[in-house]
Amino acid sequence: MGILQELTEKLAQDVLDAQEELGDDRFYEKVSKVLLDASPTTQEAYMTAVRVILAERKARKFLEANLKAKRTGGAAPQAPRDSVGH
């Protein structure tokens, strides 16, 4: 793993973890603008890491909700239909 990927993944994780405390669910976009001003390459890698982390969190919530429904006899959430990803 290269330094660019290491640094941007760590930054993305830290920023997304801090958003709740900051009360700003789009704080990652502000950090992105700071990076873009300094290095478009770094900003692109950071935004890729942000998208991956957010997608993983969403998928994990879906997994956990389905497992909970199975274990408790509740209704499982449905996956989005005909979604088009990036």
N, C-alpha and C. Protein backbone atom coordinates (compact mmCIF):
# COMPACT_ATOMS: atom_id res chain seq x y z
N MET A 1 0.85 -1.18 0.00
CA MET A 1 0.00 0.00 0.00
C MET A 1 0.89 1.23 0.00
N GLY A 2 0.61 2.19 -0.86
CA GLY A 2 1.41 3.40 -0.96
C GLY A 2 1.00 4.43 0.08
N ILE A 3 1.87 5.40 0.22
CA ILE A 3 1.63 6.44 1.23
C ILE A 3 0.35 7.23 0.93
N LEU A 4 0.07 7.50 -0.35
CA LEU A 4 -1.15 8.24 -0.70
C LEU A 4 -2.39 7.50 -0.20
N GLN A 5 -2.46 6.22 -0.48
CA GLN A 5 -3.62 5.44 -0.07
C GLN A 5 -3.69 5.34 1.45
N GLU A 6 -2.57 5.09 2.09
CA GLU A 6 -2.55 4.99 3.56
C GLU A 6 -3.06 6.28 4.21
N LEU A 7 -2.52 7.40 3.78
CA LEU A 7 -2.88 8.68 4.38
C LEU A 7 -4.33 9.06 4.12
N THR A 8 -4.77 8.86 2.90
CA THR A 8 -6.14 9.27 2.58
C THR A 8 -7.18 8.35 3.22
N GLU A 9 -6.88 7.07 3.33
CA GLU A 9 -7.80 6.16 4.01
C GLU A 9 -7.91 6.51 5.49
N LYS A 10 -6.80 6.80 6.12
CA LYS A 10 -6.80 7.17 7.55
C LYS A 10 -7.55 8.49 7.74
N LEU A 11 -7.28 9.47 6.89
CA LEU A 11 -7.97 10.75 6.98
C LEU A 11 -9.47 10.57 6.79
N ALA A 12 -9.87 9.82 5.79
CA ALA A 12 -11.29 9.59 5.53
C ALA A 12 -11.96 8.94 6.73
N GLN A 13 -11.33 7.93 7.30
CA GLN A 13 -11.90 7.27 8.47
C GLN A 13 -12.04 8.23 9.64
N ASP A 14 -11.00 9.01 9.89
CA ASP A 14 -11.03 9.97 11.00
C ASP A 14 -12.11 11.04 10.79
N VAL A 15 -12.22 11.54 9.58
CA VAL A 15 -13.21 12.59 9.28
C VAL A 15 -14.62 12.03 9.44
N LEU A 16 -14.88 10.85 8.90
CA LEU A 16 -16.21 10.27 9.01
C LEU A 16 -16.56 9.93 10.45
N ASP A 17 -15.59 9.50 11.22
CA ASP A 17 -15.83 9.23 12.64
C ASP A 17 -16.12 10.51 13.41
N ALA A 18 -15.52 11.63 13.00
CA ALA A 18 -15.67 12.91 13.70
C ALA A 18 -16.97 13.64 13.35
N GLN A 19 -17.59 13.30 12.25
CA GLN A 19 -18.75 14.04 11.78
C GLN A 19 -19.88 14.12 12.80
N GLU A 20 -20.16 13.03 13.48
CA GLU A 20 -21.25 13.03 14.46
C GLU A 20 -20.94 14.00 15.59
N GLU A 21 -19.72 13.95 16.09
CA GLU A 21 -19.33 14.87 17.17
C GLU A 21 -19.41 16.32 16.72
N LEU A 22 -19.06 16.56 15.46
CA LEU A 22 -19.10 17.91 14.92
C LEU A 22 -20.52 18.35 14.56
N GLY A 23 -21.43 17.41 14.45
CA GLY A 23 -22.81 17.75 14.09
C GLY A 23 -22.94 18.19 12.64
N ASP A 24 -22.10 17.66 11.78
CA ASP A 24 -22.07 18.08 10.37
C ASP A 24 -21.87 16.83 9.51
N ASP A 25 -22.98 16.30 8.96
CA ASP A 25 -22.88 15.05 8.21
C ASP A 25 -22.28 15.23 6.81
N ARG A 26 -21.90 16.44 6.47
CA ARG A 26 -21.22 16.70 5.19
C ARG A 26 -19.82 17.29 5.42
N PHE A 27 -19.31 17.13 6.61
CA PHE A 27 -17.99 17.68 6.92
C PHE A 27 -16.92 17.13 5.97
N TYR A 28 -17.09 15.89 5.55
CA TYR A 28 -16.11 15.29 4.65
C TYR A 28 -15.97 16.11 3.36
N GLU A 29 -17.03 16.80 2.93
CA GLU A 29 -16.96 17.63 1.73
C GLU A 29 -16.09 18.86 1.97
N LYS A 30 -16.14 19.41 3.17
CA LYS A 30 -15.29 20.56 3.49
C LYS A 30 -13.82 20.16 3.48
N VAL A 31 -13.53 19.01 4.05
CA VAL A 31 -12.16 18.51 4.04
C VAL A 31 -11.72 18.25 2.59
N SER A 32 -12.63 17.75 1.78
CA SER A 32 -12.33 17.51 0.38
C SER A 32 -11.91 18.79 -0.34
N LYS A 33 -12.58 19.89 -0.03
CA LYS A 33 -12.23 21.18 -0.66
C LYS A 33 -10.84 21.65 -0.23
N VAL A 34 -10.50 21.41 1.02
CA VAL A 34 -9.15 21.76 1.50
C VAL A 34 -8.12 20.95 0.73
N LEU A 35 -8.38 19.66 0.58
CA LEU A 35 -7.44 18.80 -0.16
C LEU A 35 -7.35 19.20 -1.63
N LEU A 36 -8.49 19.51 -2.23
CA LEU A 36 -8.49 19.89 -3.64
C LEU A 36 -7.63 21.11 -3.88
N ASP A 37 -7.69 22.05 -2.95
CA ASP A 37 -6.88 23.26 -3.05
C ASP A 37 -5.39 22.93 -2.98
N ALA A 38 -5.05 21.91 -2.21
CA ALA A 38 -3.64 21.56 -2.01
C ALA A 38 -3.14 20.54 -3.02
N SER A 39 -3.98 19.54 -3.33
CA SER A 39 -3.54 18.45 -4.21
C SER A 39 -4.74 17.71 -4.77
N PRO A 40 -5.08 17.93 -6.04
CA PRO A 40 -6.20 17.21 -6.64
C PRO A 40 -6.04 15.68 -6.58
N THR A 41 -4.84 15.21 -6.69
CA THR A 41 -4.59 13.76 -6.63
C THR A 41 -4.95 13.22 -5.25
N THR A 42 -4.56 13.94 -4.22
CA THR A 42 -4.87 13.53 -2.85
C THR A 42 -6.37 13.61 -2.60
N GLN A 43 -7.00 14.65 -3.11
CA GLN A 43 -8.44 14.81 -2.94
C GLN A 43 -9.20 13.67 -3.60
N GLU A 44 -8.78 13.25 -4.76
CA GLU A 44 -9.45 12.15 -5.46
C GLU A 44 -9.32 10.85 -4.67
N ALA A 45 -8.14 10.58 -4.17
CA ALA A 45 -7.92 9.36 -3.37
C ALA A 45 -8.75 9.41 -2.08
N TYR A 46 -8.80 10.56 -1.45
CA TYR A 46 -9.59 10.75 -0.23
C TYR A 46 -11.07 10.50 -0.50
N MET A 47 -11.62 11.08 -1.56
CA MET A 47 -13.04 10.91 -1.86
C MET A 47 -13.35 9.45 -2.21
N THR A 48 -12.43 8.76 -2.85
CA THR A 48 -12.63 7.33 -3.10
C THR A 48 -12.74 6.59 -1.78
N ALA A 49 -11.85 6.90 -0.86
CA ALA A 49 -11.89 6.25 0.46
C ALA A 49 -13.18 6.59 1.19
N VAL A 50 -13.64 7.82 1.12
CA VAL A 50 -14.89 8.22 1.76
C VAL A 50 -16.05 7.41 1.19
N ARG A 51 -16.13 7.32 -0.13
CA ARG A 51 -17.23 6.58 -0.76
C ARG A 51 -17.20 5.10 -0.37
N VAL A 52 -16.02 4.52 -0.31
CA VAL A 52 -15.90 3.11 0.06
C VAL A 52 -16.35 2.90 1.50
N ILE A 53 -15.92 3.76 2.40
CA ILE A 53 -16.29 3.63 3.82
C ILE A 53 -17.79 3.82 4.00
N LEU A 54 -18.36 4.83 3.36
CA LEU A 54 -19.80 5.07 3.48
C LEU A 54 -20.61 3.91 2.91
N ALA A 55 -20.17 3.36 1.79
CA ALA A 55 -20.87 2.22 1.19
C ALA A 55 -20.79 1.00 2.10
N GLU A 56 -19.62 0.77 2.69
CA GLU A 56 -19.46 -0.37 3.59
C GLU A 56 -20.36 -0.22 4.81
N ARG A 57 -20.44 0.98 5.35
CA ARG A 57 -21.30 1.22 6.52
C ARG A 57 -22.76 0.96 6.19
N LYS A 58 -23.18 1.41 5.01
CA LYS A 58 -24.57 1.20 4.60
C LYS A 58 -24.86 -0.29 4.41
N ALA A 59 -23.95 -0.99 3.77
CA ALA A 59 -24.14 -2.42 3.54
C ALA A 59 -24.12 -3.19 4.86
N ARG A 60 -23.27 -2.79 5.78
CA ARG A 60 -23.19 -3.45 7.09
C ARG A 60 -24.50 -3.27 7.87
N LYS A 61 -25.09 -2.07 7.82
CA LYS A 61 -26.38 -1.83 8.49
C LYS A 61 -27.46 -2.73 7.89
N PHE A 62 -27.43 -2.89 6.58
CA PHE A 62 -28.39 -3.76 5.91
C PHE A 62 -28.20 -5.21 6.37
N LEU A 63 -26.96 -5.66 6.42
CA LEU A 63 -26.66 -7.01 6.89
C LEU A 63 -27.15 -7.21 8.32
N GLU A 64 -26.83 -6.28 9.19
CA GLU A 64 -27.22 -6.39 10.59
C GLU A 64 -28.74 -6.38 10.75
N ALA A 65 -29.43 -5.56 9.97
CA ALA A 65 -30.89 -5.51 10.04
C ALA A 65 -31.51 -6.82 9.58
N ASN A 66 -30.94 -7.43 8.56
CA ASN A 66 -31.45 -8.72 8.09
C ASN A 66 -31.20 -9.82 9.10
N LEU A 67 -30.03 -9.83 9.71
CA LEU A 67 -29.74 -10.83 10.73
C LEU A 67 -30.65 -10.65 11.94
N LYS A 68 -30.88 -9.42 12.35
CA LYS A 68 -31.77 -9.15 13.48
C LYS A 68 -33.19 -9.63 13.17
N ALA A 69 -33.65 -9.34 11.96
CA ALA A 69 -34.99 -9.78 11.55
C ALA A 69 -35.10 -11.30 11.59
N LYS A 70 -34.09 -11.97 11.11
CA LYS A 70 -34.09 -13.44 11.10
C LYS A 70 -34.14 -13.98 12.53
N ARG A 71 -33.35 -13.39 13.41
CA ARG A 71 -33.24 -13.89 14.78
C ARG A 71 -34.48 -13.58 15.62
N THR A 72 -35.17 -12.50 15.30
CA THR A 72 -36.32 -12.09 16.10
C THR A 72 -37.65 -12.40 15.43
N GLY A 73 -37.61 -12.90 14.22
CA GLY A 73 -38.84 -13.21 13.51
C GLY A 73 -39.50 -11.99 12.88
N GLY A 74 -38.77 -10.89 12.80
CA GLY A 74 -39.30 -9.67 12.21
C GLY A 74 -39.16 -9.66 10.70
N ALA A 75 -39.63 -8.59 10.13
CA ALA A 75 -39.55 -8.42 8.68
C ALA A 75 -38.17 -7.88 8.29
N ALA A 76 -37.57 -8.54 7.34
CA ALA A 76 -36.26 -8.11 6.87
C ALA A 76 -36.40 -6.96 5.88
N PRO A 77 -35.50 -6.00 5.94
CA PRO A 77 -35.53 -4.91 4.95
C PRO A 77 -35.19 -5.46 3.56
N GLN A 78 -35.75 -4.84 2.58
CA GLN A 78 -35.48 -5.24 1.19
C GLN A 78 -34.31 -4.46 0.63
N ALA A 79 -33.57 -5.11 -0.23
CA ALA A 79 -32.49 -4.44 -0.94
C ALA A 79 -33.09 -3.50 -1.97
N PRO A 80 -32.41 -2.41 -2.27
CA PRO A 80 -32.91 -1.51 -3.32
C PRO A 80 -33.07 -2.28 -4.63
N ARG A 81 -34.09 -1.93 -5.38
CA ARG A 81 -34.32 -2.63 -6.64
C ARG A 81 -33.78 -1.79 -7.79
N ASP A 82 -33.19 -2.48 -8.73
CA ASP A 82 -32.69 -1.84 -9.94
C ASP A 82 -31.78 -0.65 -9.65
N SER A 83 -30.96 -0.77 -8.62
CA SER A 83 -30.01 0.29 -8.30
C SER A 83 -28.87 0.28 -9.32
N VAL A 84 -28.45 1.46 -9.66
CA VAL A 84 -27.31 1.59 -10.55
C VAL A 84 -26.19 2.22 -9.75
N GLY A 85 -25.10 1.50 -9.60
CA GLY A 85 -23.97 2.01 -8.83
C GLY A 85 -23.03 2.81 -9.70
N HIS A 86 -21.93 3.19 -9.11
CA HIS A 86 -20.90 3.94 -9.84
C HIS A 86 -20.18 3.05 -10.78
